[in-house]
C-alpha cells in the first residue's frame, strides 16, 4: 500500500509539471495581453465581471467565490491606487499560478 501511495504522489507531481508546461505554452505574452485587452473594455483596468470573463477565456475553472477571492488578492497586492487591476498586476498573479513557486496561501482566501 505504501508503495502504491508513493507511486501516486510521483505520478501526480510529474503530471502537474507537464500540465504547467502545457499551460505556459498555450498563452504567450502577446496572447495573454490581447485577451486582457479584450476583457478590459473600458481600458482602465478590470472590474470583477471583466476579470471573471478573462478567467473563463483563459480556461480557469474557478467558482464564483474563488474568482472573487483571486480578484481581491490581485487588487490588494497591486501598486495602483485605483481598485481595478492593470495588466501588470494581473500578469503577476498569472505568473504565480504558472510558475514553480507555491501560490501564496492568501491568493484564494475567501472573504
PDB file of N, CA and C in Angstrom:
ATOM      1  N   UNK A   1       0.821  -1.194   0.000  1.00  0.00           N
ATOM      2  CA  UNK A   1       0.000   0.000   0.000  1.00  0.00           C
ATOM      3  C   UNK A   1       0.865   1.258   0.000  1.00  0.00           C
ATOM      4  N   UNK A   2       1.903   1.262   0.793  1.00  0.00           N
ATOM      5  CA  UNK A   2       2.775   2.440   0.835  1.00  0.00           C
ATOM      6  C   UNK A   2       3.419   2.686  -0.527  1.00  0.00           C
ATOM      7  N   UNK A   3       3.837   1.619  -1.195  1.00  0.00           N
ATOM      8  CA  UNK A   3       4.473   1.753  -2.497  1.00  0.00           C
ATOM      9  C   UNK A   3       3.491   2.348  -3.509  1.00  0.00           C
ATOM     10  N   UNK A   4       2.243   1.897  -3.454  1.00  0.00           N
ATOM     11  CA  UNK A   4       1.226   2.427  -4.362  1.00  0.00           C
ATOM     12  C   UNK A   4       0.992   3.913  -4.077  1.00  0.00           C
ATOM     13  N   UNK A   5       0.938   4.277  -2.797  1.00  0.00           N
ATOM     14  CA  UNK A   5       0.761   5.679  -2.419  1.00  0.00           C
ATOM     15  C   UNK A   5       1.901   6.545  -2.910  1.00  0.00           C
ATOM     16  N   UNK A   6       3.116   6.070  -2.754  1.00  0.00           N
ATOM     17  CA  UNK A   6       4.290   6.818  -3.214  1.00  0.00           C
ATOM     18  C   UNK A   6       4.271   6.951  -4.735  1.00  0.00           C
ATOM     19  N   UNK A   7       3.872   5.887  -5.411  1.00  0.00           N
ATOM     20  CA  UNK A   7       3.770   5.924  -6.865  1.00  0.00           C
ATOM     21  C   UNK A   7       2.753   6.979  -7.320  1.00  0.00           C
ATOM     22  N   UNK A   8       1.613   7.040  -6.639  1.00  0.00           N
ATOM     23  CA  UNK A   8       0.601   8.049  -6.965  1.00  0.00           C
ATOM     24  C   UNK A   8       1.153   9.467  -6.778  1.00  0.00           C
ATOM     25  N   UNK A   9       1.909   9.682  -5.733  1.00  0.00           N
ATOM     26  CA  UNK A   9       2.493  11.004  -5.480  1.00  0.00           C
ATOM     27  C   UNK A   9       3.474  11.376  -6.589  1.00  0.00           C
ATOM     28  N   UNK A  10       4.319  10.434  -6.969  1.00  0.00           N
ATOM     29  CA  UNK A  10       5.307  10.702  -8.020  1.00  0.00           C
ATOM     30  C   UNK A  10       4.618  10.997  -9.346  1.00  0.00           C
ATOM     31  N   UNK A  11       3.649  10.173  -9.705  1.00  0.00           N
ATOM     32  CA  UNK A  11       2.921  10.377 -10.959  1.00  0.00           C
ATOM     33  C   UNK A  11       2.173  11.708 -10.926  1.00  0.00           C
ATOM     34  N   UNK A  12       1.565  12.040  -9.793  1.00  0.00           N
ATOM     35  CA  UNK A  12       0.846  13.302  -9.654  1.00  0.00           C
ATOM     36  C   UNK A  12       1.753  14.500  -9.829  1.00  0.00           C
ATOM     37  N   UNK A  13       2.936  14.457  -9.230  1.00  0.00           N
ATOM     38  CA  UNK A  13       3.885  15.566  -9.373  1.00  0.00           C
ATOM     39  C   UNK A  13       4.356  15.714 -10.810  1.00  0.00           C
ATOM     40  N   UNK A  14       4.649  14.598 -11.468  1.00  0.00           N
ATOM     41  CA  UNK A  14       5.078  14.663 -12.869  1.00  0.00           C
ATOM     42  C   UNK A  14       3.977  15.217 -13.757  1.00  0.00           C
ATOM     43  N   UNK A  15       2.741  14.794 -13.502  1.00  0.00           N
ATOM     44  CA  UNK A  15       1.612  15.278 -14.285  1.00  0.00           C
ATOM     45  C   UNK A  15       1.418  16.772 -14.088  1.00  0.00           C
ATOM     46  N   UNK A  16       1.549  17.242 -12.867  1.00  0.00           N
ATOM     47  CA  UNK A  16       1.419  18.664 -12.570  1.00  0.00           C
ATOM     48  C   UNK A  16       2.437  19.480 -13.349  1.00  0.00           C
ATOM     49  N   UNK A  17       3.675  19.011 -13.368  1.00  0.00           N
ATOM     50  CA  UNK A  17       4.722  19.730 -14.104  1.00  0.00           C
ATOM     51  C   UNK A  17       4.416  19.776 -15.595  1.00  0.00           C
ATOM     52  N   UNK A  18       3.929  18.672 -16.137  1.00  0.00           N
ATOM     53  CA  UNK A  18       3.587  18.641 -17.558  1.00  0.00           C
ATOM     54  C   UNK A  18       2.434  19.594 -17.870  1.00  0.00           C
ATOM     55  N   UNK A  19       1.428  19.597 -17.017  1.00  0.00           N
ATOM     56  CA  UNK A  19       0.286  20.483 -17.237  1.00  0.00           C
ATOM     57  C   UNK A  19       0.683  21.948 -17.146  1.00  0.00           C
ATOM     58  N   UNK A  20       1.567  22.276 -16.216  1.00  0.00           N
ATOM     59  CA  UNK A  20       2.042  23.658 -16.111  1.00  0.00           C
ATOM     60  C   UNK A  20       2.798  24.063 -17.375  1.00  0.00           C
ATOM     61  N   UNK A  21       3.619  23.155 -17.907  1.00  0.00           N
ATOM     62  CA  UNK A  21       4.364  23.459 -19.126  1.00  0.00           C
ATOM     63  C   UNK A  21       3.409  23.659 -20.302  1.00  0.00           C
ATOM     64  N   UNK A  22       2.372  22.822 -20.382  1.00  0.00           N
ATOM     65  CA  UNK A  22       1.391  22.963 -21.459  1.00  0.00           C
ATOM     66  C   UNK A  22       0.661  24.283 -21.340  1.00  0.00           C
ATOM     67  N   UNK A  23       0.241  24.608 -20.132  1.00  0.00           N
ATOM     68  CA  UNK A  23      -0.500  25.857 -19.926  1.00  0.00           C
ATOM     69  C   UNK A  23       0.355  27.064 -20.282  1.00  0.00           C
ATOM     70  N   UNK A  24       1.640  27.034 -19.907  1.00  0.00           N
ATOM     71  CA  UNK A  24       2.521  28.147 -20.235  1.00  0.00           C
ATOM     72  C   UNK A  24       2.684  28.285 -21.740  1.00  0.00           C
ATOM     73  N   UNK A  25       2.746  27.161 -22.442  1.00  0.00           N
ATOM     74  CA  UNK A  25       2.937  27.226 -23.885  1.00  0.00           C
ATOM     75  C   UNK A  25       1.666  27.665 -24.610  1.00  0.00           C
ATOM     76  N   UNK A  26       0.506  27.484 -23.980  1.00  0.00           N
ATOM     77  CA  UNK A  26      -0.746  27.871 -24.614  1.00  0.00           C
ATOM     78  C   UNK A  26      -0.880  29.376 -24.764  1.00  0.00           C
ATOM     79  N   UNK A  27      -0.407  30.102 -23.790  1.00  0.00           N
ATOM     80  CA  UNK A  27      -0.607  31.548 -23.780  1.00  0.00           C
ATOM     81  C   UNK A  27       0.726  32.277 -23.728  1.00  0.00           C
ATOM     82  N   UNK A  28       1.134  32.767 -24.873  1.00  0.00           N
ATOM     83  CA  UNK A  28       2.338  33.581 -24.926  1.00  0.00           C
ATOM     84  C   UNK A  28       2.028  34.932 -24.291  1.00  0.00           C
ATOM     85  N   UNK A  29       3.047  35.718 -24.117  1.00  0.00           N
ATOM     86  CA  UNK A  29       2.881  37.057 -23.543  1.00  0.00           C
ATOM     87  C   UNK A  29       1.919  37.890 -24.381  1.00  0.00           C
ATOM     88  N   UNK A  30       2.068  37.831 -25.700  1.00  0.00           N
ATOM     89  CA  UNK A  30       1.208  38.647 -26.565  1.00  0.00           C
ATOM     90  C   UNK A  30      -0.242  38.145 -26.532  1.00  0.00           C
ATOM     91  N   UNK A  31      -0.440  36.826 -26.475  1.00  0.00           N
ATOM     92  CA  UNK A  31      -1.794  36.285 -26.409  1.00  0.00           C
ATOM     93  C   UNK A  31      -2.460  36.670 -25.102  1.00  0.00           C
ATOM     94  N   UNK A  32      -1.714  36.550 -24.017  1.00  0.00           N
ATOM     95  CA  UNK A  32      -2.259  36.910 -22.709  1.00  0.00           C
ATOM     96  C   UNK A  32      -2.626  38.385 -22.667  1.00  0.00           C
ATOM     97  N   UNK A  33      -1.757  39.232 -23.206  1.00  0.00           N
ATOM     98  CA  UNK A  33      -2.029  40.674 -23.226  1.00  0.00           C
ATOM     99  C   UNK A  33      -3.264  40.985 -24.088  1.00  0.00           C
ATOM    100  N   UNK A  34      -3.386  40.331 -25.234  1.00  0.00           N
ATOM    101  CA  UNK A  34      -4.540  40.608 -26.102  1.00  0.00           C
ATOM    102  C   UNK A  34      -5.838  40.129 -25.455  1.00  0.00           C
ATOM    103  N   UNK A  35      -5.815  39.004 -24.754  1.00  0.00           N
ATOM    104  CA  UNK A  35      -7.015  38.532 -24.054  1.00  0.00           C
ATOM    105  C   UNK A  35      -7.390  39.499 -22.928  1.00  0.00           C
ATOM    106  N   UNK A  36      -6.376  40.042 -22.254  1.00  0.00           N
ATOM    107  CA  UNK A  36      -6.635  41.032 -21.209  1.00  0.00           C
ATOM    108  C   UNK A  36      -7.276  42.271 -21.813  1.00  0.00           C
ATOM    109  N   UNK A  37      -6.754  42.726 -22.945  1.00  0.00           N
ATOM    110  CA  UNK A  37      -7.286  43.937 -23.579  1.00  0.00           C
ATOM    111  C   UNK A  37      -8.719  43.737 -24.057  1.00  0.00           C
ATOM    112  N   UNK A  38      -9.048  42.523 -24.519  1.00  0.00           N
ATOM    113  CA  UNK A  38     -10.419  42.234 -24.932  1.00  0.00           C
ATOM    114  C   UNK A  38     -11.352  42.319 -23.725  1.00  0.00           C
ATOM    115  N   UNK A  39     -10.917  41.774 -22.592  1.00  0.00           N
ATOM    116  CA  UNK A  39     -11.740  41.800 -21.384  1.00  0.00           C
ATOM    117  C   UNK A  39     -11.824  43.204 -20.794  1.00  0.00           C
ATOM    118  N   UNK A  40     -10.789  43.997 -20.975  1.00  0.00           N
ATOM    119  CA  UNK A  40     -10.696  45.346 -20.410  1.00  0.00           C
ATOM    120  C   UNK A  40     -11.381  46.339 -21.339  1.00  0.00           C
ATOM    121  N   UNK A  41     -12.685  46.249 -21.411  1.00  0.00           N
ATOM    122  CA  UNK A  41     -13.483  47.025 -22.356  1.00  0.00           C
ATOM    123  C   UNK A  41     -13.279  48.528 -22.181  1.00  0.00           C
ATOM    124  N   UNK A  42     -13.281  49.011 -20.945  1.00  0.00           N
ATOM    125  CA  UNK A  42     -13.183  50.446 -20.696  1.00  0.00           C
ATOM    126  C   UNK A  42     -11.760  50.963 -20.739  1.00  0.00           C
ATOM    127  N   UNK A  43     -10.785  50.072 -20.693  1.00  0.00           N
ATOM    128  CA  UNK A  43      -9.390  50.480 -20.801  1.00  0.00           C
ATOM    129  C   UNK A  43      -8.768  51.017 -19.536  1.00  0.00           C
ATOM    130  N   UNK A  44      -9.448  50.890 -18.408  1.00  0.00           N
ATOM    131  CA  UNK A  44      -8.893  51.432 -17.160  1.00  0.00           C
ATOM    132  C   UNK A  44      -8.639  50.351 -16.114  1.00  0.00           C
ATOM    133  N   UNK A  45      -8.489  49.121 -16.522  1.00  0.00           N
ATOM    134  CA  UNK A  45      -8.298  48.011 -15.598  1.00  0.00           C
ATOM    135  C   UNK A  45      -9.557  47.173 -15.540  1.00  0.00           C
ATOM    136  N   UNK A  46      -9.432  46.022 -14.932  1.00  0.00           N
ATOM    137  CA  UNK A  46     -10.550  45.082 -14.888  1.00  0.00           C
ATOM    138  C   UNK A  46     -11.442  45.288 -13.683  1.00  0.00           C
ATOM    139  N   UNK A  47     -12.746  45.199 -13.908  1.00  0.00           N
ATOM    140  CA  UNK A  47     -13.655  45.069 -12.775  1.00  0.00           C
ATOM    141  C   UNK A  47     -13.923  43.578 -12.585  1.00  0.00           C
ATOM    142  N   UNK A  48     -14.703  43.220 -11.591  1.00  0.00           N
ATOM    143  CA  UNK A  48     -14.909  41.812 -11.271  1.00  0.00           C
ATOM    144  C   UNK A  48     -15.546  41.049 -12.427  1.00  0.00           C
ATOM    145  N   UNK A  49     -16.515  41.647 -13.075  1.00  0.00           N
ATOM    146  CA  UNK A  49     -17.186  40.980 -14.190  1.00  0.00           C
ATOM    147  C   UNK A  49     -16.202  40.709 -15.335  1.00  0.00           C
ATOM    148  N   UNK A  50     -15.376  41.691 -15.645  1.00  0.00           N
ATOM    149  CA  UNK A  50     -14.384  41.528 -16.705  1.00  0.00           C
ATOM    150  C   UNK A  50     -13.333  40.484 -16.317  1.00  0.00           C
ATOM    151  N   UNK A  51     -12.941  40.488 -15.042  1.00  0.00           N
ATOM    152  CA  UNK A  51     -11.973  39.505 -14.554  1.00  0.00           C
ATOM    153  C   UNK A  51     -12.551  38.093 -14.669  1.00  0.00           C
ATOM    154  N   UNK A  52     -13.805  37.941 -14.326  1.00  0.00           N
ATOM    155  CA  UNK A  52     -14.472  36.640 -14.445  1.00  0.00           C
ATOM    156  C   UNK A  52     -14.467  36.171 -15.900  1.00  0.00           C
ATOM    157  N   UNK A  53     -14.787  37.085 -16.819  1.00  0.00           N
ATOM    158  CA  UNK A  53     -14.775  36.762 -18.250  1.00  0.00           C
ATOM    159  C   UNK A  53     -13.374  36.332 -18.693  1.00  0.00           C
ATOM    160  N   UNK A  54     -12.355  37.067 -18.268  1.00  0.00           N
ATOM    161  CA  UNK A  54     -10.977  36.760 -18.641  1.00  0.00           C
ATOM    162  C   UNK A  54     -10.567  35.385 -18.120  1.00  0.00           C
ATOM    163  N   UNK A  55     -10.918  35.075 -16.885  1.00  0.00           N
ATOM    164  CA  UNK A  55     -10.585  33.763 -16.318  1.00  0.00           C
ATOM    165  C   UNK A  55     -11.239  32.645 -17.120  1.00  0.00           C
ATOM    166  N   UNK A  56     -12.493  32.844 -17.498  1.00  0.00           N
ATOM    167  CA  UNK A  56     -13.180  31.836 -18.315  1.00  0.00           C
ATOM    168  C   UNK A  56     -12.511  31.710 -19.674  1.00  0.00           C
ATOM    169  N   UNK A  57     -12.138  32.836 -20.263  1.00  0.00           N
ATOM    170  CA  UNK A  57     -11.486  32.828 -21.571  1.00  0.00           C
ATOM    171  C   UNK A  57     -10.139  32.108 -21.525  1.00  0.00           C
ATOM    172  N   UNK A  58      -9.462  32.182 -20.389  1.00  0.00           N
ATOM    173  CA  UNK A  58      -8.170  31.521 -20.231  1.00  0.00           C
ATOM    174  C   UNK A  58      -8.290  30.070 -19.771  1.00  0.00           C
ATOM    175  N   UNK A  59      -9.512  29.612 -19.592  1.00  0.00           N
ATOM    176  CA  UNK A  59      -9.720  28.213 -19.233  1.00  0.00           C
ATOM    177  C   UNK A  59      -9.575  27.919 -17.757  1.00  0.00           C
ATOM    178  N   UNK A  60      -9.618  28.942 -16.914  1.00  0.00           N
ATOM    179  CA  UNK A  60      -9.561  28.712 -15.472  1.00  0.00           C
ATOM    180  C   UNK A  60     -10.951  28.347 -14.979  1.00  0.00           C
ATOM    181  N   UNK A  61     -11.061  27.226 -14.343  1.00  0.00           N
ATOM    182  CA  UNK A  61     -12.340  26.745 -13.846  1.00  0.00           C
ATOM    183  C   UNK A  61     -12.486  27.153 -12.382  1.00  0.00           C
ATOM    184  N   UNK A  62     -12.845  28.420 -12.159  1.00  0.00           N
ATOM    185  CA  UNK A  62     -12.972  28.950 -10.812  1.00  0.00           C
ATOM    186  C   UNK A  62     -14.442  29.121 -10.458  1.00  0.00           C
ATOM    187  N   UNK A  63     -14.767  28.832  -9.208  1.00  0.00           N
ATOM    188  CA  UNK A  63     -16.117  29.098  -8.736  1.00  0.00           C
ATOM    189  C   UNK A  63     -16.270  30.606  -8.553  1.00  0.00           C
ATOM    190  N   UNK A  64     -17.484  31.046  -8.306  1.00  0.00           N
ATOM    191  CA  UNK A  64     -17.722  32.465  -8.083  1.00  0.00           C
ATOM    192  C   UNK A  64     -16.919  33.010  -6.914  1.00  0.00           C
ATOM    193  N   UNK A  65     -16.890  32.259  -5.827  1.00  0.00           N
ATOM    194  CA  UNK A  65     -16.141  32.711  -4.646  1.00  0.00           C
ATOM    195  C   UNK A  65     -14.638  32.716  -4.902  1.00  0.00           C
ATOM    196  N   UNK A  66     -14.135  31.724  -5.633  1.00  0.00           N
ATOM    197  CA  UNK A  66     -12.709  31.694  -5.952  1.00  0.00           C
ATOM    198  C   UNK A  66     -12.336  32.876  -6.846  1.00  0.00           C
ATOM    199  N   UNK A  67     -13.209  33.205  -7.780  1.00  0.00           N
ATOM    200  CA  UNK A  67     -12.969  34.346  -8.662  1.00  0.00           C
ATOM    201  C   UNK A  67     -12.918  35.639  -7.853  1.00  0.00           C
ATOM    202  N   UNK A  68     -13.875  35.803  -6.941  1.00  0.00           N
ATOM    203  CA  UNK A  68     -13.894  36.998  -6.100  1.00  0.00           C
ATOM    204  C   UNK A  68     -12.657  37.077  -5.220  1.00  0.00           C
ATOM    205  N   UNK A  69     -12.246  35.936  -4.667  1.00  0.00           N
ATOM    206  CA  UNK A  69     -11.070  35.922  -3.798  1.00  0.00           C
ATOM    207  C   UNK A  69      -9.802  36.253  -4.584  1.00  0.00           C
ATOM    208  N   UNK A  70      -9.662  35.680  -5.772  1.00  0.00           N
ATOM    209  CA  UNK A  70      -8.489  35.954  -6.599  1.00  0.00           C
ATOM    210  C   UNK A  70      -8.465  37.420  -7.018  1.00  0.00           C
ATOM    211  N   UNK A  71      -9.628  37.952  -7.390  1.00  0.00           N
ATOM    212  CA  UNK A  71      -9.722  39.360  -7.781  1.00  0.00           C
ATOM    213  C   UNK A  71      -9.328  40.263  -6.607  1.00  0.00           C
ATOM    214  N   UNK A  72      -9.821  39.947  -5.431  1.00  0.00           N
ATOM    215  CA  UNK A  72      -9.469  40.727  -4.245  1.00  0.00           C
ATOM    216  C   UNK A  72      -7.988  40.658  -3.937  1.00  0.00           C
ATOM    217  N   UNK A  73      -7.398  39.488  -4.140  1.00  0.00           N
ATOM    218  CA  UNK A  73      -5.969  39.315  -3.893  1.00  0.00           C
ATOM    219  C   UNK A  73      -5.153  40.174  -4.853  1.00  0.00           C
ATOM    220  N   UNK A  74      -5.526  40.176  -6.124  1.00  0.00           N
ATOM    221  CA  UNK A  74      -4.797  40.978  -7.109  1.00  0.00           C
ATOM    222  C   UNK A  74      -4.903  42.457  -6.761  1.00  0.00           C
ATOM    223  N   UNK A  75      -6.097  42.905  -6.386  1.00  0.00           N
ATOM    224  CA  UNK A  75      -6.282  44.319  -6.015  1.00  0.00           C
ATOM    225  C   UNK A  75      -5.457  44.674  -4.794  1.00  0.00           C
ATOM    226  N   UNK A  76      -5.400  43.768  -3.820  1.00  0.00           N
ATOM    227  CA  UNK A  76      -4.680  44.048  -2.580  1.00  0.00           C
ATOM    228  C   UNK A  76      -3.179  44.129  -2.807  1.00  0.00           C
ATOM    229  N   UNK A  77      -2.648  43.310  -3.716  1.00  0.00           N
ATOM    230  CA  UNK A  77      -1.206  43.289  -3.933  1.00  0.00           C
ATOM    231  C   UNK A  77      -0.751  44.276  -4.989  1.00  0.00           C
ATOM    232  N   UNK A  78      -1.695  44.909  -5.675  1.00  0.00           N
ATOM    233  CA  UNK A  78      -1.334  45.841  -6.742  1.00  0.00           C
ATOM    234  C   UNK A  78      -0.771  47.139  -6.206  1.00  0.00           C
ATOM    235  N   UNK A  79      -0.044  47.836  -7.062  1.00  0.00           N
ATOM    236  CA  UNK A  79       0.571  49.105  -6.684  1.00  0.00           C
ATOM    237  C   UNK A  79      -0.284  50.307  -7.062  1.00  0.00           C
ATOM    238  N   UNK A  80      -1.235  50.100  -7.947  1.00  0.00           N
ATOM    239  CA  UNK A  80      -2.052  51.222  -8.409  1.00  0.00           C
ATOM    240  C   UNK A  80      -2.989  51.682  -7.298  1.00  0.00           C
ATOM    241  N   UNK A  81      -3.339  52.947  -7.363  1.00  0.00           N
ATOM    242  CA  UNK A  81      -4.267  53.465  -6.371  1.00  0.00           C
ATOM    243  C   UNK A  81      -5.708  53.157  -6.745  1.00  0.00           C
ATOM    244  N   UNK A  82      -5.967  52.942  -8.047  1.00  0.00           N
ATOM    245  CA  UNK A  82      -7.311  52.560  -8.447  1.00  0.00           C
ATOM    246  C   UNK A  82      -7.526  51.106  -8.056  1.00  0.00           C
ATOM    247  N   UNK A  83      -8.773  50.758  -7.819  1.00  0.00           N
ATOM    248  CA  UNK A  83      -9.014  49.392  -7.374  1.00  0.00           C
ATOM    249  C   UNK A  83      -9.335  48.457  -8.536  1.00  0.00           C
ATOM    250  N   UNK A  84      -8.952  48.839  -9.747  1.00  0.00           N
ATOM    251  CA  UNK A  84      -9.117  47.965 -10.903  1.00  0.00           C
ATOM    252  C   UNK A  84      -7.731  47.496 -11.333  1.00  0.00           C
ATOM    253  N   UNK A  85      -7.489  46.195 -11.286  1.00  0.00           N
ATOM    254  CA  UNK A  85      -6.154  45.687 -11.618  1.00  0.00           C
ATOM    255  C   UNK A  85      -5.743  45.993 -13.054  1.00  0.00           C
ATOM    256  N   UNK A  86      -4.486  46.382 -13.200  1.00  0.00           N
ATOM    257  CA  UNK A  86      -3.902  46.629 -14.513  1.00  0.00           C
ATOM    258  C   UNK A  86      -3.386  45.307 -15.082  1.00  0.00           C
ATOM    259  N   UNK A  87      -2.899  45.363 -16.303  1.00  0.00           N
ATOM    260  CA  UNK A  87      -2.354  44.153 -16.919  1.00  0.00           C
ATOM    261  C   UNK A  87      -1.170  43.626 -16.118  1.00  0.00           C
ATOM    262  N   UNK A  88      -0.290  44.508 -15.669  1.00  0.00           N
ATOM    263  CA  UNK A  88       0.906  44.088 -14.941  1.00  0.00           C
ATOM    264  C   UNK A  88       0.531  43.374 -13.639  1.00  0.00           C
ATOM    265  N   UNK A  89      -0.478  43.869 -12.957  1.00  0.00           N
ATOM    266  CA  UNK A  89      -0.925  43.232 -11.719  1.00  0.00           C
ATOM    267  C   UNK A  89      -1.539  41.864 -12.019  1.00  0.00           C
ATOM    268  N   UNK A  90      -2.352  41.799 -13.075  1.00  0.00           N
ATOM    269  CA  UNK A  90      -2.923  40.519 -13.476  1.00  0.00           C
ATOM    270  C   UNK A  90      -1.826  39.551 -13.879  1.00  0.00           C
ATOM    271  N   UNK A  91      -0.848  40.019 -14.646  1.00  0.00           N
ATOM    272  CA  UNK A  91       0.241  39.168 -15.120  1.00  0.00           C
ATOM    273  C   UNK A  91       1.045  38.612 -13.949  1.00  0.00           C
ATOM    274  N   UNK A  92       1.270  39.417 -12.922  1.00  0.00           N
ATOM    275  CA  UNK A  92       1.976  38.928 -11.741  1.00  0.00           C
ATOM    276  C   UNK A  92       1.235  37.772 -11.090  1.00  0.00           C
ATOM    277  N   UNK A  93      -0.082  37.896 -10.988  1.00  0.00           N
ATOM    278  CA  UNK A  93      -0.906  36.832 -10.416  1.00  0.00           C
ATOM    279  C   UNK A  93      -0.866  35.602 -11.314  1.00  0.00           C
ATOM    280  N   UNK A  94      -0.988  35.808 -12.618  1.00  0.00           N
ATOM    281  CA  UNK A  94      -0.971  34.706 -13.589  1.00  0.00           C
ATOM    282  C   UNK A  94       0.361  33.946 -13.506  1.00  0.00           C
ATOM    283  N   UNK A  95       1.473  34.694 -13.405  1.00  0.00           N
ATOM    284  CA  UNK A  95       2.782  34.054 -13.302  1.00  0.00           C
ATOM    285  C   UNK A  95       2.896  33.234 -12.029  1.00  0.00           C
ATOM    286  N   UNK A  96       2.301  33.714 -10.933  1.00  0.00           N
ATOM    287  CA  UNK A  96       2.302  32.936  -9.692  1.00  0.00           C
ATOM    288  C   UNK A  96       1.572  31.613  -9.876  1.00  0.00           C
ATOM    289  N   UNK A  97       0.500  31.620 -10.658  1.00  0.00           N
ATOM    290  CA  UNK A  97      -0.245  30.386 -10.929  1.00  0.00           C
ATOM    291  C   UNK A  97       0.561  29.439 -11.799  1.00  0.00           C
ATOM    292  N   UNK A  98       1.375  29.981 -12.697  1.00  0.00           N
ATOM    293  CA  UNK A  98       2.081  29.176 -13.678  1.00  0.00           C
ATOM    294  C   UNK A  98       3.448  28.712 -13.218  1.00  0.00           C
ATOM    295  N   UNK A  99       4.067  29.450 -12.340  1.00  0.00           N
ATOM    296  CA  UNK A  99       5.466  29.210 -12.019  1.00  0.00           C
ATOM    297  C   UNK A  99       5.695  28.030 -11.106  1.00  0.00           C
ATOM    298  N   UNK A 100       6.967  27.823 -10.805  1.00  0.00           N
ATOM    299  CA  UNK A 100       7.359  26.737  -9.915  1.00  0.00           C
ATOM    300  C   UNK A 100       7.136  27.097  -8.459  1.00  0.00           C
ATOM    301  N   UNK A 101       6.919  28.397  -8.210  1.00  0.00           N
ATOM    302  CA  UNK A 101       6.697  28.819  -6.825  1.00  0.00           C
ATOM    303  C   UNK A 101       5.344  28.332  -6.354  1.00  0.00           C
ATOM    304  N   UNK A 102       5.229  28.145  -5.064  1.00  0.00           N
ATOM    305  CA  UNK A 102       3.936  27.815  -4.477  1.00  0.00           C
ATOM    306  C   UNK A 102       3.080  29.069  -4.499  1.00  0.00           C
ATOM    307  N   UNK A 103       1.806  28.883  -4.750  1.00  0.00           N
ATOM    308  CA  UNK A 103       0.880  30.004  -4.728  1.00  0.00           C
ATOM    309  C   UNK A 103       0.726  30.458  -3.283  1.00  0.00           C
ATOM    310  N   UNK A 104       0.781  31.739  -3.082  1.00  0.00           N
ATOM    311  CA  UNK A 104       0.588  32.320  -1.765  1.00  0.00           C
ATOM    312  C   UNK A 104      -0.749  31.861  -1.204  1.00  0.00           C
ATOM    313  N   UNK A 105      -0.755  31.437   0.047  1.00  0.00           N
ATOM    314  CA  UNK A 105      -1.989  30.972   0.678  1.00  0.00           C
ATOM    315  C   UNK A 105      -3.094  32.014   0.640  1.00  0.00           C
ATOM    316  N   UNK A 106      -2.731  33.288   0.545  1.00  0.00           N
ATOM    317  CA  UNK A 106      -3.719  34.345   0.545  1.00  0.00           C
ATOM    318  C   UNK A 106      -4.369  34.558  -0.826  1.00  0.00           C
ATOM    319  N   UNK A 107      -3.862  33.894  -1.862  1.00  0.00           N
ATOM    320  CA  UNK A 107      -4.362  34.122  -3.213  1.00  0.00           C
ATOM    321  C   UNK A 107      -5.818  33.681  -3.371  1.00  0.00           C
ATOM    322  N   UNK A 108      -6.265  32.772  -2.546  1.00  0.00           N
ATOM    323  CA  UNK A 108      -7.631  32.292  -2.659  1.00  0.00           C
ATOM    324  C   UNK A 108      -8.357  32.320  -1.316  1.00  0.00           C
ATOM    325  N   UNK A 109      -8.025  33.261  -0.447  1.00  0.00           N
ATOM    326  CA  UNK A 109      -8.737  33.381   0.824  1.00  0.00           C
ATOM    327  C   UNK A 109     -10.118  33.930   0.556  1.00  0.00           C
ATOM    328  N   UNK A 110     -11.100  33.300   1.145  1.00  0.00           N
ATOM    329  CA  UNK A 110     -12.480  33.729   0.943  1.00  0.00           C
ATOM    330  C   UNK A 110     -12.838  34.786   1.957  1.00  0.00           C
ATOM    331  N   UNK A 111     -13.395  35.855   1.453  1.00  0.00           N
ATOM    332  CA  UNK A 111     -13.756  36.989   2.300  1.00  0.00           C
ATOM    333  C   UNK A 111     -15.062  36.711   2.989  1.00  0.00           C
TER     334      UNK A 111
END
